[in-house]
Amino acid sequence: MAVNNPLPYIFTAIGSVAATVVALNYYGYMHVAKPQDALLLAEFTMLKTYEGEDYRLSLKPAEQVAQCVDGVLVLFDTKQQGLTGVLVDDKKRAVRCTQGRPERQVR
């Protein structure tokens, strides 16, 4: 079976992909992130604390609030409603948390 004109097949394939993307976006299964929605991990610094040593912090709180959800540290932005994210390290591994005092691991 020889195909004389492949153009209708190409247009059908492109139209199908476009219709699928539009339908997924309409029903909320796709979200295109904007640059202002993202918080860079580089904006956060971990202060290592030593017992008996003082450290200073700003009195003004950050615009993010952290909460432990299912053992993962989730950040909620108080300035932009609906902006939430999971705190990850440089290898995209989620930062784990416990509900109480963190357990110390013995190595």
PDB file of N, CA and C in Angstrom:
ATOM      1  N   MET A   1       0.843  -1.179   0.000  1.00  0.00           N
ATOM      2  CA  MET A   1       0.000   0.000   0.000  1.00  0.00           C
ATOM      3  C   MET A   1       0.885   1.238   0.000  1.00  0.00           C
ATOM      4  N   ALA A   2       0.797   2.017  -1.003  1.00  0.00           N
ATOM      5  CA  ALA A   2       1.612   3.219  -1.143  1.00  0.00           C
ATOM      6  C   ALA A   2       0.809   4.434  -0.697  1.00  0.00           C
ATOM      7  N   VAL A   3       1.483   5.300   0.024  1.00  0.00           N
ATOM      8  CA  VAL A   3       0.851   6.531   0.488  1.00  0.00           C
ATOM      9  C   VAL A   3       1.254   7.634  -0.478  1.00  0.00           C
ATOM     10  N   ASN A   4       0.275   8.215  -1.132  1.00  0.00           N
ATOM     11  CA  ASN A   4       0.566   9.260  -2.108  1.00  0.00           C
ATOM     12  C   ASN A   4       0.808  10.606  -1.447  1.00  0.00           C
ATOM     13  N   ASN A   5       0.012  10.921  -0.427  1.00  0.00           N
ATOM     14  CA  ASN A   5       0.120  12.230   0.210  1.00  0.00           C
ATOM     15  C   ASN A   5       0.152  12.060   1.734  1.00  0.00           C
ATOM     16  N   PRO A   6       1.333  12.194   2.372  1.00  0.00           N
ATOM     17  CA  PRO A   6       1.413  12.010   3.826  1.00  0.00           C
ATOM     18  C   PRO A   6       0.993  13.251   4.621  1.00  0.00           C
ATOM     19  N   LEU A   7       0.698  14.362   3.953  1.00  0.00           N
ATOM     20  CA  LEU A   7       0.343  15.607   4.636  1.00  0.00           C
ATOM     21  C   LEU A   7      -0.862  15.477   5.562  1.00  0.00           C
ATOM     22  N   PRO A   8      -1.955  14.800   5.187  1.00  0.00           N
ATOM     23  CA  PRO A   8      -3.087  14.668   6.113  1.00  0.00           C
ATOM     24  C   PRO A   8      -2.716  13.925   7.404  1.00  0.00           C
ATOM     25  N   TYR A   9      -1.837  12.940   7.293  1.00  0.00           N
ATOM     26  CA  TYR A   9      -1.405  12.210   8.497  1.00  0.00           C
ATOM     27  C   TYR A   9      -0.575  13.104   9.421  1.00  0.00           C
ATOM     28  N   ILE A  10       0.279  13.915   8.824  1.00  0.00           N
ATOM     29  CA  ILE A  10       1.122  14.830   9.626  1.00  0.00           C
ATOM     30  C   ILE A  10       0.241  15.864  10.326  1.00  0.00           C
ATOM     31  N   PHE A  11      -0.718  16.456   9.597  1.00  0.00           N
ATOM     32  CA  PHE A  11      -1.612  17.446  10.209  1.00  0.00           C
ATOM     33  C   PHE A  11      -2.495  16.822  11.288  1.00  0.00           C
ATOM     34  N   THR A  12      -2.923  15.591  11.066  1.00  0.00           N
ATOM     35  CA  THR A  12      -3.732  14.889  12.068  1.00  0.00           C
ATOM     36  C   THR A  12      -2.925  14.641  13.335  1.00  0.00           C
ATOM     37  N   ALA A  13      -1.673  14.242  13.197  1.00  0.00           N
ATOM     38  CA  ALA A  13      -0.816  13.994  14.365  1.00  0.00           C
ATOM     39  C   ALA A  13      -0.559  15.284  15.140  1.00  0.00           C
ATOM     40  N   ILE A  14      -0.236  16.361  14.433  1.00  0.00           N
ATOM     41  CA  ILE A  14       0.012  17.650  15.091  1.00  0.00           C
ATOM     42  C   ILE A  14      -1.262  18.157  15.762  1.00  0.00           C
ATOM     43  N   GLY A  15      -2.394  18.048  15.086  1.00  0.00           N
ATOM     44  CA  GLY A  15      -3.670  18.472  15.672  1.00  0.00           C
ATOM     45  C   GLY A  15      -4.044  17.655  16.896  1.00  0.00           C
ATOM     46  N   SER A  16      -3.760  16.360  16.881  1.00  0.00           N
ATOM     47  CA  SER A  16      -4.061  15.504  18.035  1.00  0.00           C
ATOM     48  C   SER A  16      -3.234  15.899  19.248  1.00  0.00           C
ATOM     49  N   VAL A  17      -1.948  16.151  19.020  1.00  0.00           N
ATOM     50  CA  VAL A  17      -1.081  16.576  20.130  1.00  0.00           C
ATOM     51  C   VAL A  17      -1.544  17.923  20.673  1.00  0.00           C
ATOM     52  N   ALA A  18      -1.867  18.864  19.797  1.00  0.00           N
ATOM     53  CA  ALA A  18      -2.324  20.185  20.240  1.00  0.00           C
ATOM     54  C   ALA A  18      -3.641  20.081  21.015  1.00  0.00           C
ATOM     55  N   ALA A  19      -4.573  19.277  20.524  1.00  0.00           N
ATOM     56  CA  ALA A  19      -5.851  19.109  21.222  1.00  0.00           C
ATOM     57  C   ALA A  19      -5.656  18.453  22.582  1.00  0.00           C
ATOM     58  N   THR A  20      -4.730  17.501  22.676  1.00  0.00           N
ATOM     59  CA  THR A  20      -4.447  16.850  23.956  1.00  0.00           C
ATOM     60  C   THR A  20      -3.877  17.848  24.954  1.00  0.00           C
ATOM     61  N   VAL A  21      -2.937  18.677  24.512  1.00  0.00           N
ATOM     62  CA  VAL A  21      -2.342  19.677  25.401  1.00  0.00           C
ATOM     63  C   VAL A  21      -3.390  20.679  25.873  1.00  0.00           C
ATOM     64  N   VAL A  22      -4.244  21.136  24.975  1.00  0.00           N
ATOM     65  CA  VAL A  22      -5.295  22.090  25.345  1.00  0.00           C
ATOM     66  C   VAL A  22      -6.266  21.456  26.342  1.00  0.00           C
ATOM     67  N   ALA A  23      -6.652  20.213  26.121  1.00  0.00           N
ATOM     68  CA  ALA A  23      -7.583  19.535  27.033  1.00  0.00           C
ATOM     69  C   ALA A  23      -6.957  19.320  28.399  1.00  0.00           C
ATOM     70  N   LEU A  24      -5.694  18.901  28.452  1.00  0.00           N
ATOM     71  CA  LEU A  24      -5.019  18.704  29.741  1.00  0.00           C
ATOM     72  C   LEU A  24      -4.877  20.015  30.495  1.00  0.00           C
ATOM     73  N   ASN A  25      -4.582  21.092  29.784  1.00  0.00           N
ATOM     74  CA  ASN A  25      -4.456  22.399  30.424  1.00  0.00           C
ATOM     75  C   ASN A  25      -5.816  22.883  30.927  1.00  0.00           C
ATOM     76  N   TYR A  26      -6.868  22.683  30.166  1.00  0.00           N
ATOM     77  CA  TYR A  26      -8.203  23.134  30.541  1.00  0.00           C
ATOM     78  C   TYR A  26      -8.688  22.443  31.820  1.00  0.00           C
ATOM     79  N   TYR A  27      -8.438  21.150  31.944  1.00  0.00           N
ATOM     80  CA  TYR A  27      -8.900  20.398  33.106  1.00  0.00           C
ATOM     81  C   TYR A  27      -7.928  20.441  34.285  1.00  0.00           C
ATOM     82  N   GLY A  28      -6.853  21.202  34.163  1.00  0.00           N
ATOM     83  CA  GLY A  28      -5.957  21.428  35.292  1.00  0.00           C
ATOM     84  C   GLY A  28      -4.904  20.361  35.504  1.00  0.00           C
ATOM     85  N   TYR A  29      -4.665  19.524  34.524  1.00  0.00           N
ATOM     86  CA  TYR A  29      -3.640  18.496  34.663  1.00  0.00           C
ATOM     87  C   TYR A  29      -2.252  19.004  34.283  1.00  0.00           C
ATOM     88  N   MET A  30      -2.182  20.178  33.691  1.00  0.00           N
ATOM     89  CA  MET A  30      -0.899  20.790  33.337  1.00  0.00           C
ATOM     90  C   MET A  30      -0.794  22.138  34.022  1.00  0.00           C
ATOM     91  N   HIS A  31       0.405  22.440  34.486  1.00  0.00           N
ATOM     92  CA  HIS A  31       0.666  23.750  35.071  1.00  0.00           C
ATOM     93  C   HIS A  31       1.998  24.240  34.538  1.00  0.00           C
ATOM     94  N   VAL A  32       1.994  25.387  33.904  1.00  0.00           N
ATOM     95  CA  VAL A  32       3.224  25.972  33.395  1.00  0.00           C
ATOM     96  C   VAL A  32       3.745  26.909  34.478  1.00  0.00           C
ATOM     97  N   ALA A  33       4.889  26.565  35.037  1.00  0.00           N
ATOM     98  CA  ALA A  33       5.462  27.358  36.130  1.00  0.00           C
ATOM     99  C   ALA A  33       6.057  28.650  35.583  1.00  0.00           C
ATOM    100  N   LYS A  34       5.813  29.712  36.310  1.00  0.00           N
ATOM    101  CA  LYS A  34       6.382  31.010  35.967  1.00  0.00           C
ATOM    102  C   LYS A  34       7.633  31.215  36.811  1.00  0.00           C
ATOM    103  N   PRO A  35       8.577  32.002  36.344  1.00  0.00           N
ATOM    104  CA  PRO A  35       9.804  32.222  37.128  1.00  0.00           C
ATOM    105  C   PRO A  35       9.531  32.807  38.513  1.00  0.00           C
ATOM    106  N   GLN A  36       8.508  33.645  38.641  1.00  0.00           N
ATOM    107  CA  GLN A  36       8.223  34.231  39.947  1.00  0.00           C
ATOM    108  C   GLN A  36       7.589  33.226  40.898  1.00  0.00           C
ATOM    109  N   ASP A  37       7.135  32.072  40.394  1.00  0.00           N
ATOM    110  CA  ASP A  37       6.566  31.033  41.250  1.00  0.00           C
ATOM    111  C   ASP A  37       7.640  30.205  41.947  1.00  0.00           C
ATOM    112  N   ALA A  38       8.828  30.224  41.448  1.00  0.00           N
ATOM    113  CA  ALA A  38       9.875  29.350  41.960  1.00  0.00           C
ATOM    114  C   ALA A  38      10.727  30.048  43.016  1.00  0.00           C
ATOM    115  N   LEU A  39      11.081  29.301  44.026  1.00  0.00           N
ATOM    116  CA  LEU A  39      12.040  29.760  45.016  1.00  0.00           C
ATOM    117  C   LEU A  39      13.300  28.940  44.820  1.00  0.00           C
ATOM    118  N   LEU A  40      14.408  29.591  44.653  1.00  0.00           N
ATOM    119  CA  LEU A  40      15.655  28.873  44.456  1.00  0.00           C
ATOM    120  C   LEU A  40      16.169  28.327  45.769  1.00  0.00           C
ATOM    121  N   LEU A  41      16.719  27.123  45.701  1.00  0.00           N
ATOM    122  CA  LEU A  41      17.314  26.529  46.889  1.00  0.00           C
ATOM    123  C   LEU A  41      18.474  27.379  47.382  1.00  0.00           C
ATOM    124  N   ALA A  42      19.121  28.105  46.472  1.00  0.00           N
ATOM    125  CA  ALA A  42      20.248  28.949  46.850  1.00  0.00           C
ATOM    126  C   ALA A  42      19.811  30.105  47.747  1.00  0.00           C
ATOM    127  N   GLU A  43      18.507  30.398  47.804  1.00  0.00           N
ATOM    128  CA  GLU A  43      18.026  31.478  48.659  1.00  0.00           C
ATOM    129  C   GLU A  43      17.970  31.061  50.125  1.00  0.00           C
ATOM    130  N   PHE A  44      18.175  29.796  50.403  1.00  0.00           N
ATOM    131  CA  PHE A  44      18.122  29.294  51.764  1.00  0.00           C
ATOM    132  C   PHE A  44      19.509  28.842  52.199  1.00  0.00           C
ATOM    133  N   THR A  45      19.822  29.082  53.453  1.00  0.00           N
ATOM    134  CA  THR A  45      21.097  28.671  54.017  1.00  0.00           C
ATOM    135  C   THR A  45      20.834  27.952  55.322  1.00  0.00           C
ATOM    136  N   MET A  46      21.545  26.868  55.542  1.00  0.00           N
ATOM    137  CA  MET A  46      21.405  26.156  56.806  1.00  0.00           C
ATOM    138  C   MET A  46      22.456  26.677  57.783  1.00  0.00           C
ATOM    139  N   LEU A  47      22.008  27.124  58.923  1.00  0.00           N
ATOM    140  CA  LEU A  47      22.913  27.568  59.969  1.00  0.00           C
ATOM    141  C   LEU A  47      23.205  26.388  60.888  1.00  0.00           C
ATOM    142  N   LYS A  48      24.455  25.977  60.911  1.00  0.00           N
ATOM    143  CA  LYS A  48      24.828  24.862  61.779  1.00  0.00           C
ATOM    144  C   LYS A  48      24.964  25.401  63.195  1.00  0.00           C
ATOM    145  N   THR A  49      24.245  24.789  64.121  1.00  0.00           N
ATOM    146  CA  THR A  49      24.269  25.245  65.503  1.00  0.00           C
ATOM    147  C   THR A  49      25.108  24.292  66.341  1.00  0.00           C
ATOM    148  N   TYR A  50      25.852  24.862  67.244  1.00  0.00           N
ATOM    149  CA  TYR A  50      26.667  24.096  68.184  1.00  0.00           C
ATOM    150  C   TYR A  50      26.148  24.365  69.583  1.00  0.00           C
ATOM    151  N   GLU A  51      26.136  23.360  70.394  1.00  0.00           N
ATOM    152  CA  GLU A  51      25.638  23.491  71.755  1.00  0.00           C
ATOM    153  C   GLU A  51      26.508  24.478  72.531  1.00  0.00           C
ATOM    154  N   GLY A  52      25.851  25.461  73.160  1.00  0.00           N
ATOM    155  CA  GLY A  52      26.557  26.450  73.960  1.00  0.00           C
ATOM    156  C   GLY A  52      27.023  27.658  73.168  1.00  0.00           C
ATOM    157  N   GLU A  53      26.841  27.656  71.858  1.00  0.00           N
ATOM    158  CA  GLU A  53      27.257  28.788  71.038  1.00  0.00           C
ATOM    159  C   GLU A  53      26.049  29.624  70.642  1.00  0.00           C
ATOM    160  N   ASP A  54      26.201  30.938  70.648  1.00  0.00           N
ATOM    161  CA  ASP A  54      25.122  31.836  70.262  1.00  0.00           C
ATOM    162  C   ASP A  54      25.172  32.112  68.766  1.00  0.00           C
ATOM    163  N   TYR A  55      24.014  32.348  68.191  1.00  0.00           N
ATOM    164  CA  TYR A  55      23.933  32.780  66.804  1.00  0.00           C
ATOM    165  C   TYR A  55      22.832  33.806  66.703  1.00  0.00           C
ATOM    166  N   ARG A  56      22.920  34.667  65.713  1.00  0.00           N
ATOM    167  CA  ARG A  56      21.964  35.761  65.578  1.00  0.00           C
ATOM    168  C   ARG A  56      21.082  35.554  64.356  1.00  0.00           C
ATOM    169  N   LEU A  57      19.819  35.884  64.536  1.00  0.00           N
ATOM    170  CA  LEU A  57      18.834  35.809  63.458  1.00  0.00           C
ATOM    171  C   LEU A  57      18.103  37.139  63.368  1.00  0.00           C
ATOM    172  N   SER A  58      17.525  37.400  62.222  1.00  0.00           N
ATOM    173  CA  SER A  58      16.727  38.595  62.032  1.00  0.00           C
ATOM    174  C   SER A  58      15.417  38.450  62.802  1.00  0.00           C
ATOM    175  N   LEU A  59      14.922  39.549  63.335  1.00  0.00           N
ATOM    176  CA  LEU A  59      13.644  39.519  64.043  1.00  0.00           C
ATOM    177  C   LEU A  59      12.473  39.420  63.072  1.00  0.00           C
ATOM    178  N   LYS A  60      12.684  39.876  61.831  1.00  0.00           N
ATOM    179  CA  LYS A  60      11.631  39.804  60.818  1.00  0.00           C
ATOM    180  C   LYS A  60      11.556  38.369  60.284  1.00  0.00           C
ATOM    181  N   PRO A  61      10.385  37.742  60.343  1.00  0.00           N
ATOM    182  CA  PRO A  61      10.274  36.352  59.861  1.00  0.00           C
ATOM    183  C   PRO A  61      10.321  36.273  58.334  1.00  0.00           C
ATOM    184  N   ALA A  62      10.669  35.115  57.830  1.00  0.00           N
ATOM    185  CA  ALA A  62      10.689  34.877  56.386  1.00  0.00           C
ATOM    186  C   ALA A  62       9.262  34.828  55.844  1.00  0.00           C
ATOM    187  N   GLU A  63       9.140  34.942  54.532  1.00  0.00           N
ATOM    188  CA  GLU A  63       7.825  34.899  53.901  1.00  0.00           C
ATOM    189  C   GLU A  63       7.338  33.470  53.688  1.00  0.00           C
ATOM    190  N   GLN A  64       8.145  32.483  54.074  1.00  0.00           N
ATOM    191  CA  GLN A  64       7.765  31.091  53.922  1.00  0.00           C
ATOM    192  C   GLN A  64       7.555  30.459  55.294  1.00  0.00           C
ATOM    193  N   VAL A  65       6.634  29.528  55.349  1.00  0.00           N
ATOM    194  CA  VAL A  65       6.363  28.764  56.560  1.00  0.00           C
ATOM    195  C   VAL A  65       6.561  27.293  56.211  1.00  0.00           C
ATOM    196  N   ALA A  66       7.319  26.581  57.035  1.00  0.00           N
ATOM    197  CA  ALA A  66       7.574  25.162  56.775  1.00  0.00           C
ATOM    198  C   ALA A  66       6.670  24.311  57.651  1.00  0.00           C
ATOM    199  N   GLN A  67       6.264  23.187  57.090  1.00  0.00           N
ATOM    200  CA  GLN A  67       5.418  22.252  57.824  1.00  0.00           C
ATOM    201  C   GLN A  67       5.821  20.843  57.407  1.00  0.00           C
ATOM    202  N   CYS A  68       5.764  19.929  58.365  1.00  0.00           N
ATOM    203  CA  CYS A  68       6.075  18.534  58.093  1.00  0.00           C
ATOM    204  C   CYS A  68       4.801  17.840  57.609  1.00  0.00           C
ATOM    205  N   VAL A  69       4.800  17.392  56.349  1.00  0.00           N
ATOM    206  CA  VAL A  69       3.649  16.713  55.763  1.00  0.00           C
ATOM    207  C   VAL A  69       4.122  15.344  55.280  1.00  0.00           C
ATOM    208  N   ASP A  70       3.619  14.299  55.897  1.00  0.00           N
ATOM    209  CA  ASP A  70       3.978  12.925  55.536  1.00  0.00           C
ATOM    210  C   ASP A  70       5.484  12.700  55.544  1.00  0.00           C
ATOM    211  N   GLY A  71       6.172  13.303  56.501  1.00  0.00           N
ATOM    212  CA  GLY A  71       7.604  13.089  56.643  1.00  0.00           C
ATOM    213  C   GLY A  71       8.470  13.896  55.695  1.00  0.00           C
ATOM    214  N   VAL A  72       7.877  14.845  54.957  1.00  0.00           N
ATOM    215  CA  VAL A  72       8.619  15.681  54.018  1.00  0.00           C
ATOM    216  C   VAL A  72       8.403  17.137  54.402  1.00  0.00           C
ATOM    217  N   LEU A  73       9.462  17.946  54.340  1.00  0.00           N
ATOM    218  CA  LEU A  73       9.370  19.359  54.684  1.00  0.00           C
ATOM    219  C   LEU A  73       8.774  20.139  53.515  1.00  0.00           C
ATOM    220  N   VAL A  74       7.591  20.726  53.739  1.00  0.00           N
ATOM    221  CA  VAL A  74       6.873  21.466  52.707  1.00  0.00           C
ATOM    222  C   VAL A  74       6.884  22.941  53.088  1.00  0.00           C
ATOM    223  N   LEU A  75       7.206  23.801  52.120  1.00  0.00           N
ATOM    224  CA  LEU A  75       7.223  25.239  52.337  1.00  0.00           C
ATOM    225  C   LEU A  75       5.962  25.861  51.758  1.00  0.00           C
ATOM    226  N   PHE A  76       5.336  26.720  52.531  1.00  0.00           N
ATOM    227  CA  PHE A  76       4.169  27.471  52.095  1.00  0.00           C
ATOM    228  C   PHE A  76       4.559  28.936  52.058  1.00  0.00           C
ATOM    229  N   ASP A  77       4.274  29.612  50.960  1.00  0.00           N
ATOM    230  CA  ASP A  77       4.600  31.031  50.829  1.00  0.00           C
ATOM    231  C   ASP A  77       3.424  31.845  51.349  1.00  0.00           C
ATOM    232  N   THR A  78       3.694  32.754  52.281  1.00  0.00           N
ATOM    233  CA  THR A  78       2.631  33.575  52.858  1.00  0.00           C
ATOM    234  C   THR A  78       2.335  34.805  52.000  1.00  0.00           C
ATOM    235  N   LYS A  79       3.252  35.162  51.123  1.00  0.00           N
ATOM    236  CA  LYS A  79       3.057  36.336  50.283  1.00  0.00           C
ATOM    237  C   LYS A  79       2.220  36.004  49.046  1.00  0.00           C
ATOM    238  N   GLN A  80       2.490  34.867  48.422  1.00  0.00           N
ATOM    239  CA  GLN A  80       1.745  34.442  47.237  1.00  0.00           C
ATOM    240  C   GLN A  80       0.902  33.238  47.615  1.00  0.00           C
ATOM    241  N   GLN A  81      -0.383  33.441  47.756  1.00  0.00           N
ATOM    242  CA  GLN A  81      -1.279  32.362  48.157  1.00  0.00           C
ATOM    243  C   GLN A  81      -1.263  31.239  47.130  1.00  0.00           C
ATOM    244  N   GLY A  82      -1.263  30.017  47.600  1.00  0.00           N
ATOM    245  CA  GLY A  82      -1.296  28.863  46.712  1.00  0.00           C
ATOM    246  C   GLY A  82       0.064  28.383  46.281  1.00  0.00           C
ATOM    247  N   LEU A  83       1.132  29.119  46.602  1.00  0.00           N
ATOM    248  CA  LEU A  83       2.471  28.699  46.211  1.00  0.00           C
ATOM    249  C   LEU A  83       3.045  27.806  47.307  1.00  0.00           C
ATOM    250  N   THR A  84       3.202  26.547  47.004  1.00  0.00           N
ATOM    251  CA  THR A  84       3.787  25.600  47.937  1.00  0.00           C
ATOM    252  C   THR A  84       4.871  24.828  47.216  1.00  0.00           C
ATOM    253  N   GLY A  85       5.760  24.260  47.977  1.00  0.00           N
ATOM    254  CA  GLY A  85       6.827  23.468  47.372  1.00  0.00           C
ATOM    255  C   GLY A  85       7.476  22.575  48.397  1.00  0.00           C
ATOM    256  N   VAL A  86       8.164  21.585  47.901  1.00  0.00           N
ATOM    257  CA  VAL A  86       8.894  20.648  48.744  1.00  0.00           C
ATOM    258  C   VAL A  86      10.350  21.084  48.747  1.00  0.00           C
ATOM    259  N   LEU A  87      10.956  21.155  49.913  1.00  0.00           N
ATOM    260  CA  LEU A  87      12.358  21.534  50.022  1.00  0.00           C
ATOM    261  C   LEU A  87      13.220  20.342  49.625  1.00  0.00           C
ATOM    262  N   VAL A  88      14.114  20.549  48.651  1.00  0.00           N
ATOM    263  CA  VAL A  88      14.978  19.479  48.153  1.00  0.00           C
ATOM    264  C   VAL A  88      16.433  19.932  48.216  1.00  0.00           C
ATOM    265  N   ASP A  89      17.338  18.953  48.156  1.00  0.00           N
ATOM    266  CA  ASP A  89      18.757  19.289  48.108  1.00  0.00           C
ATOM    267  C   ASP A  89      19.212  19.428  46.661  1.00  0.00           C
ATOM    268  N   ASP A  90      20.518  19.549  46.437  1.00  0.00           N
ATOM    269  CA  ASP A  90      21.017  19.770  45.078  1.00  0.00           C
ATOM    270  C   ASP A  90      20.832  18.574  44.160  1.00  0.00           C
ATOM    271  N   LYS A  91      20.513  17.402  44.708  1.00  0.00           N
ATOM    272  CA  LYS A  91      20.267  16.212  43.896  1.00  0.00           C
ATOM    273  C   LYS A  91      18.777  15.902  43.787  1.00  0.00           C
ATOM    274  N   LYS A  92      17.940  16.895  44.102  1.00  0.00           N
ATOM    275  CA  LYS A  92      16.474  16.787  44.025  1.00  0.00           C
ATOM    276  C   LYS A  92      15.906  15.724  44.966  1.00  0.00           C
ATOM    277  N   ARG A  93      16.580  15.493  46.111  1.00  0.00           N
ATOM    278  CA  ARG A  93      16.070  14.583  47.130  1.00  0.00           C
ATOM    279  C   ARG A  93      15.322  15.411  48.160  1.00  0.00           C
ATOM    280  N   ALA A  94      14.152  14.954  48.552  1.00  0.00           N
ATOM    281  CA  ALA A  94      13.319  15.701  49.495  1.00  0.00           C
ATOM    282  C   ALA A  94      13.967  15.724  50.879  1.00  0.00           C
ATOM    283  N   VAL A  95      13.870  16.871  51.536  1.00  0.00           N
ATOM    284  CA  VAL A  95      14.361  17.007  52.905  1.00  0.00           C
ATOM    285  C   VAL A  95      13.313  16.388  53.817  1.00  0.00           C
ATOM    286  N   ARG A  96      13.720  15.404  54.592  1.00  0.00           N
ATOM    287  CA  ARG A  96      12.808  14.687  55.490  1.00  0.00           C
ATOM    288  C   ARG A  96      12.681  15.443  56.812  1.00  0.00           C
ATOM    289  N   CYS A  97      11.583  15.169  57.527  1.00  0.00           N
ATOM    290  CA  CYS A  97      11.381  15.798  58.829  1.00  0.00           C
ATOM    291  C   CYS A  97      10.613  14.834  59.723  1.00  0.00           C
ATOM    292  N   THR A  98      10.660  15.134  61.018  1.00  0.00           N
ATOM    293  CA  THR A  98       9.905  14.368  61.993  1.00  0.00           C
ATOM    294  C   THR A  98       8.972  15.323  62.712  1.00  0.00           C
ATOM    295  N   GLN A  99       7.949  14.799  63.340  1.00  0.00           N
ATOM    296  CA  GLN A  99       6.944  15.647  63.978  1.00  0.00           C
ATOM    297  C   GLN A  99       7.445  16.290  65.264  1.00  0.00           C
ATOM    298  N   GLY A 100       8.399  15.707  65.906  1.00  0.00           N
ATOM    299  CA  GLY A 100       8.905  16.270  67.155  1.00  0.00           C
ATOM    300  C   GLY A 100      10.330  16.731  67.006  1.00  0.00           C
ATOM    301  N   ARG A 101      11.100  16.488  68.018  1.00  0.00           N
ATOM    302  CA  ARG A 101      12.514  16.802  67.986  1.00  0.00           C
ATOM    303  C   ARG A 101      13.209  15.854  67.026  1.00  0.00           C
ATOM    304  N   PRO A 102      14.114  16.372  66.173  1.00  0.00           N
ATOM    305  CA  PRO A 102      14.793  15.488  65.215  1.00  0.00           C
ATOM    306  C   PRO A 102      15.655  14.453  65.918  1.00  0.00           C
ATOM    307  N   GLU A 103      15.625  13.259  65.374  1.00  0.00           N
ATOM    308  CA  GLU A 103      16.422  12.182  65.955  1.00  0.00           C
ATOM    309  C   GLU A 103      17.864  12.304  65.463  1.00  0.00           C
ATOM    310  N   ARG A 104      18.780  12.069  66.374  1.00  0.00           N
ATOM    311  CA  ARG A 104      20.197  12.118  65.999  1.00  0.00           C
ATOM    312  C   ARG A 104      20.616  10.742  65.508  1.00  0.00           C
ATOM    313  N   GLN A 105      21.332  10.734  64.396  1.00  0.00           N
ATOM    314  CA  GLN A 105      21.816   9.459  63.862  1.00  0.00           C
ATOM    315  C   GLN A 105      23.242   9.239  64.337  1.00  0.00           C
ATOM    316  N   VAL A 106      23.505   8.040  64.805  1.00  0.00           N
ATOM    317  CA  VAL A 106      24.838   7.676  65.261  1.00  0.00           C
ATOM    318  C   VAL A 106      25.539   6.973  64.114  1.00  0.00           C
ATOM    319  N   ARG A 107      26.741   7.440  63.791  1.00  0.00           N
ATOM    320  CA  ARG A 107      27.481   6.827  62.683  1.00  0.00           C
ATOM    321  C   ARG A 107      28.678   6.084  63.178  1.00  0.00           C
TER     322      ARG A 107
END
